[in-house]
Amino acid sequence: MKQIICNIWDLHSTHWIVIPTNIGWKSNGDNVMGAGLAKQAALKYPDLPKFYGDYCQEDMEASAVIAYPEFKLIMFPVKELNRNHPHLSWKQDASLPLIEKSAKELSIFPGNIAIPMVGCGAGNLKEEEVLPVLERYLSKDNFILVRQTA
């Protein structure tokens, strides 16, 4: 896995973009995408929250990494489902075991894939916790870890 510093969206013409997500949905069925890269993706692609929210409602805790092929996006769960209050799933800290599960699933995706440091922004994890997990599963050259520019 290569590492670069840039705006991840600058790679979108040649790479799939990984979007860190929560497994949850609002009362209208949309996934809550209110911060970070998820918010940016939702603003760029207004149908995305509905697409992913529907998927989360169907698969619930079993929600896996899933592609949104029309726009070369890959939804990457980092925050677990709050079963009692799905609309609040976004408020939890990211889960390292869920990131590991998601990284393992992502590892079989073909094509060039740009992934941010998942779980370290609004997920409150430390890079030194997450990086070894990503390196374990995403070691192939088609994966680029993107550290965002300020």
C-alpha atoms as a PDB file:
ATOM      1  CA  MET A   1       0.000   0.000   0.000  1.00  0.00           C
ATOM      2  CA  LYS A   2       1.416   3.337  -1.038  1.00  0.00           C
ATOM      3  CA  GLN A   3       0.863   6.466   1.037  1.00  0.00           C
ATOM      4  CA  ILE A   4       0.437   9.966  -0.336  1.00  0.00           C
ATOM      5  CA  ILE A   5      -0.680  13.376   0.881  1.00  0.00           C
ATOM      6  CA  CYS A   6      -3.344  15.061  -1.245  1.00  0.00           C
ATOM      7  CA  ASN A   7      -7.036  15.817  -1.498  1.00  0.00           C
ATOM      8  CA  ILE A   8      -8.564  12.361  -2.014  1.00  0.00           C
ATOM      9  CA  TRP A   9     -11.072  13.743  -4.538  1.00  0.00           C
ATOM     10  CA  ASP A  10      -8.154  14.665  -6.828  1.00  0.00           C
ATOM     11  CA  LEU A  11      -7.730  10.906  -7.418  1.00  0.00           C
ATOM     12  CA  HIS A  12     -11.375  10.220  -8.242  1.00  0.00           C
ATOM     13  CA  SER A  13     -10.905  10.182 -12.020  1.00  0.00           C
ATOM     14  CA  THR A  14      -8.505   7.221 -11.734  1.00  0.00           C
ATOM     15  CA  HIS A  15      -9.410   5.612  -8.381  1.00  0.00           C
ATOM     16  CA  TRP A  16     -12.360   4.323  -6.431  1.00  0.00           C
ATOM     17  CA  ILE A  17     -12.795   6.427  -3.280  1.00  0.00           C
ATOM     18  CA  VAL A  18     -13.397   4.722   0.084  1.00  0.00           C
ATOM     19  CA  ILE A  19     -16.020   6.470   2.220  1.00  0.00           C
ATOM     20  CA  PRO A  20     -15.915   5.698   5.979  1.00  0.00           C
ATOM     21  CA  THR A  21     -19.482   5.201   7.215  1.00  0.00           C
ATOM     22  CA  ASN A  22     -21.656   4.274  10.135  1.00  0.00           C
ATOM     23  CA  ILE A  23     -24.194   1.464   9.988  1.00  0.00           C
ATOM     24  CA  GLY A  24     -27.384   3.386  10.646  1.00  0.00           C
ATOM     25  CA  TRP A  25     -30.222   5.390   9.156  1.00  0.00           C
ATOM     26  CA  LYS A  26     -32.547   8.297   9.859  1.00  0.00           C
ATOM     27  CA  SER A  27     -36.349   8.084  10.033  1.00  0.00           C
ATOM     28  CA  ASN A  28     -36.519   8.764   6.271  1.00  0.00           C
ATOM     29  CA  GLY A  29     -34.201   5.776   5.652  1.00  0.00           C
ATOM     30  CA  ASP A  30     -31.131   7.782   4.630  1.00  0.00           C
ATOM     31  CA  ASN A  31     -27.768   6.944   6.171  1.00  0.00           C
ATOM     32  CA  VAL A  32     -26.456   9.721   8.400  1.00  0.00           C
ATOM     33  CA  MET A  33     -23.554  11.267   6.496  1.00  0.00           C
ATOM     34  CA  GLY A  34     -22.946  14.448   8.445  1.00  0.00           C
ATOM     35  CA  ALA A  35     -19.177  14.732   8.777  1.00  0.00           C
ATOM     36  CA  GLY A  36     -15.895  14.214   7.009  1.00  0.00           C
ATOM     37  CA  LEU A  37     -15.589  12.380   3.738  1.00  0.00           C
ATOM     38  CA  ALA A  38     -19.090  10.914   4.093  1.00  0.00           C
ATOM     39  CA  LYS A  39     -20.579  14.409   4.192  1.00  0.00           C
ATOM     40  CA  GLN A  40     -18.514  15.475   1.185  1.00  0.00           C
ATOM     41  CA  ALA A  41     -19.699  12.399  -0.751  1.00  0.00           C
ATOM     42  CA  ALA A  42     -23.339  13.001   0.223  1.00  0.00           C
ATOM     43  CA  LEU A  43     -23.115  16.582  -1.004  1.00  0.00           C
ATOM     44  CA  LYS A  44     -21.549  15.485  -4.310  1.00  0.00           C
ATOM     45  CA  TYR A  45     -23.935  12.543  -4.787  1.00  0.00           C
ATOM     46  CA  PRO A  46     -27.335  13.300  -3.195  1.00  0.00           C
ATOM     47  CA  ASP A  47     -28.702   9.775  -3.841  1.00  0.00           C
ATOM     48  CA  LEU A  48     -25.879   8.166  -1.847  1.00  0.00           C
ATOM     49  CA  PRO A  49     -27.415   8.477   1.680  1.00  0.00           C
ATOM     50  CA  LYS A  50     -30.624   6.759   0.480  1.00  0.00           C
ATOM     51  CA  PHE A  51     -28.689   4.009  -1.349  1.00  0.00           C
ATOM     52  CA  TYR A  52     -26.546   3.247   1.673  1.00  0.00           C
ATOM     53  CA  GLY A  53     -29.321   3.709   4.239  1.00  0.00           C
ATOM     54  CA  ASP A  54     -31.476   1.158   2.405  1.00  0.00           C
ATOM     55  CA  TYR A  55     -28.569  -1.272   2.377  1.00  0.00           C
ATOM     56  CA  CYS A  56     -27.918  -0.816   6.127  1.00  0.00           C
ATOM     57  CA  GLN A  57     -31.586  -1.376   6.970  1.00  0.00           C
ATOM     58  CA  GLU A  58     -31.574  -4.613   5.001  1.00  0.00           C
ATOM     59  CA  ASP A  59     -28.299  -6.074   6.302  1.00  0.00           C
ATOM     60  CA  MET A  60     -28.114  -4.301   9.700  1.00  0.00           C
ATOM     61  CA  GLU A  61     -25.098  -5.535  11.755  1.00  0.00           C
ATOM     62  CA  ALA A  62     -23.974  -7.688   8.822  1.00  0.00           C
ATOM     63  CA  SER A  63     -23.551  -4.617   6.595  1.00  0.00           C
ATOM     64  CA  ALA A  64     -20.334  -5.082   4.678  1.00  0.00           C
ATOM     65  CA  VAL A  65     -18.158  -3.042   2.385  1.00  0.00           C
ATOM     66  CA  ILE A  66     -20.283  -2.227  -0.657  1.00  0.00           C
ATOM     67  CA  ALA A  67     -19.569  -0.423  -3.901  1.00  0.00           C
ATOM     68  CA  TYR A  68     -21.662   2.406  -5.286  1.00  0.00           C
ATOM     69  CA  PRO A  69     -20.473   1.688  -8.825  1.00  0.00           C
ATOM     70  CA  GLU A  70     -22.163   4.539 -10.653  1.00  0.00           C
ATOM     71  CA  PHE A  71     -19.805   7.006  -8.959  1.00  0.00           C
ATOM     72  CA  LYS A  72     -16.802   4.792  -8.094  1.00  0.00           C
ATOM     73  CA  LEU A  73     -17.376   4.975  -4.330  1.00  0.00           C
ATOM     74  CA  ILE A  74     -16.895   2.211  -1.770  1.00  0.00           C
ATOM     75  CA  MET A  75     -18.830   2.405   1.490  1.00  0.00           C
ATOM     76  CA  PHE A  76     -16.578   1.221   4.337  1.00  0.00           C
ATOM     77  CA  PRO A  77     -18.312   0.677   7.724  1.00  0.00           C
ATOM     78  CA  VAL A  78     -16.298   1.950  10.703  1.00  0.00           C
ATOM     79  CA  LYS A  79     -19.081   2.612  13.240  1.00  0.00           C
ATOM     80  CA  GLU A  80     -21.369  -0.169  14.386  1.00  0.00           C
ATOM     81  CA  LEU A  81     -25.149  -0.132  14.345  1.00  0.00           C
ATOM     82  CA  ASN A  82     -26.891   1.301  17.404  1.00  0.00           C
ATOM     83  CA  ARG A  83     -29.786  -1.156  17.174  1.00  0.00           C
ATOM     84  CA  ASN A  84     -32.035   0.769  19.580  1.00  0.00           C
ATOM     85  CA  HIS A  85     -31.360   4.124  17.909  1.00  0.00           C
ATOM     86  CA  PRO A  86     -30.052   3.591  14.349  1.00  0.00           C
ATOM     87  CA  HIS A  87     -30.107   7.350  13.710  1.00  0.00           C
ATOM     88  CA  LEU A  88     -27.497   7.777  16.457  1.00  0.00           C
ATOM     89  CA  SER A  89     -25.014   5.201  15.141  1.00  0.00           C
ATOM     90  CA  TRP A  90     -22.840   8.058  13.881  1.00  0.00           C
ATOM     91  CA  LYS A  91     -22.257   9.292  17.457  1.00  0.00           C
ATOM     92  CA  GLN A  92     -20.228   6.261  18.484  1.00  0.00           C
ATOM     93  CA  ASP A  93     -16.489   5.954  18.233  1.00  0.00           C
ATOM     94  CA  ALA A  94     -15.198   3.875  15.351  1.00  0.00           C
ATOM     95  CA  SER A  95     -14.715   0.180  16.042  1.00  0.00           C
ATOM     96  CA  LEU A  96     -11.291  -1.315  15.354  1.00  0.00           C
ATOM     97  CA  PRO A  97     -12.763  -4.841  14.905  1.00  0.00           C
ATOM     98  CA  LEU A  98     -15.249  -3.441  12.365  1.00  0.00           C
ATOM     99  CA  ILE A  99     -12.435  -1.629  10.547  1.00  0.00           C
ATOM    100  CA  GLU A 100     -10.521  -4.902  10.410  1.00  0.00           C
ATOM    101  CA  LYS A 101     -13.570  -6.714   8.991  1.00  0.00           C
ATOM    102  CA  SER A 102     -14.088  -3.943   6.439  1.00  0.00           C
ATOM    103  CA  ALA A 103     -10.402  -3.887   5.436  1.00  0.00           C
ATOM    104  CA  LYS A 104     -10.449  -7.651   4.901  1.00  0.00           C
ATOM    105  CA  GLU A 105     -13.534  -7.313   2.674  1.00  0.00           C
ATOM    106  CA  LEU A 106     -12.004  -4.388   0.776  1.00  0.00           C
ATOM    107  CA  SER A 107      -8.832  -6.365   0.092  1.00  0.00           C
ATOM    108  CA  ILE A 108     -10.520  -8.399  -2.652  1.00  0.00           C
ATOM    109  CA  PHE A 109     -11.812  -5.381  -4.604  1.00  0.00           C
ATOM    110  CA  PRO A 110     -10.133  -4.923  -7.993  1.00  0.00           C
ATOM    111  CA  GLY A 111      -8.997  -1.625  -9.447  1.00  0.00           C
ATOM    112  CA  ASN A 112      -7.175   1.361  -8.018  1.00  0.00           C
ATOM    113  CA  ILE A 113      -8.544   2.315  -4.611  1.00  0.00           C
ATOM    114  CA  ALA A 114      -7.863   5.415  -2.534  1.00  0.00           C
ATOM    115  CA  ILE A 115      -8.577   5.043   1.177  1.00  0.00           C
ATOM    116  CA  PRO A 116      -8.368   7.710   3.875  1.00  0.00           C
ATOM    117  CA  MET A 117      -7.150   7.007   7.405  1.00  0.00           C
ATOM    118  CA  VAL A 118     -10.509   5.480   8.341  1.00  0.00           C
ATOM    119  CA  GLY A 119     -11.835   5.870  11.875  1.00  0.00           C
ATOM    120  CA  CYS A 120      -9.344   8.561  12.864  1.00  0.00           C
ATOM    121  CA  GLY A 121     -11.387  11.712  12.272  1.00  0.00           C
ATOM    122  CA  ALA A 122     -14.896  11.676  13.739  1.00  0.00           C
ATOM    123  CA  GLY A 123     -14.249   8.061  14.771  1.00  0.00           C
ATOM    124  CA  ASN A 124     -11.733   9.122  17.442  1.00  0.00           C
ATOM    125  CA  LEU A 125      -9.237   6.314  16.835  1.00  0.00           C
ATOM    126  CA  LYS A 126      -5.499   6.921  16.671  1.00  0.00           C
ATOM    127  CA  GLU A 127      -3.557   6.402  13.457  1.00  0.00           C
ATOM    128  CA  GLU A 128      -1.135   4.067  15.235  1.00  0.00           C
ATOM    129  CA  GLU A 129      -4.113   1.772  16.018  1.00  0.00           C
ATOM    130  CA  VAL A 130      -5.584   1.793  12.510  1.00  0.00           C
ATOM    131  CA  LEU A 131      -2.509   1.801  10.261  1.00  0.00           C
ATOM    132  CA  PRO A 132      -1.314  -1.749  11.147  1.00  0.00           C
ATOM    133  CA  VAL A 133      -4.789  -3.102  10.350  1.00  0.00           C
ATOM    134  CA  LEU A 134      -4.870  -1.377   6.966  1.00  0.00           C
ATOM    135  CA  GLU A 135      -1.324  -2.486   6.170  1.00  0.00           C
ATOM    136  CA  ARG A 136      -2.167  -6.101   7.076  1.00  0.00           C
ATOM    137  CA  TYR A 137      -5.019  -6.349   4.562  1.00  0.00           C
ATOM    138  CA  LEU A 138      -4.350  -3.672   1.959  1.00  0.00           C
ATOM    139  CA  SER A 139      -0.726  -4.333   1.086  1.00  0.00           C
ATOM    140  CA  LYS A 140      -1.227  -4.633  -2.690  1.00  0.00           C
ATOM    141  CA  ASP A 141      -0.083  -1.799  -4.937  1.00  0.00           C
ATOM    142  CA  ASN A 142      -3.627  -0.962  -6.073  1.00  0.00           C
ATOM    143  CA  PHE A 143      -4.359   0.572  -2.644  1.00  0.00           C
ATOM    144  CA  ILE A 144      -3.298   4.117  -1.837  1.00  0.00           C
ATOM    145  CA  LEU A 145      -3.610   5.467   1.683  1.00  0.00           C
ATOM    146  CA  VAL A 146      -4.413   9.156   1.335  1.00  0.00           C
ATOM    147  CA  ARG A 147      -3.554  11.539   4.084  1.00  0.00           C
ATOM    148  CA  GLN A 148      -5.586  14.666   3.494  1.00  0.00           C
ATOM    149  CA  THR A 149      -4.005  18.038   2.939  1.00  0.00           C
ATOM    150  CA  ALA A 150      -5.019  20.712   5.414  1.00  0.00           C
END
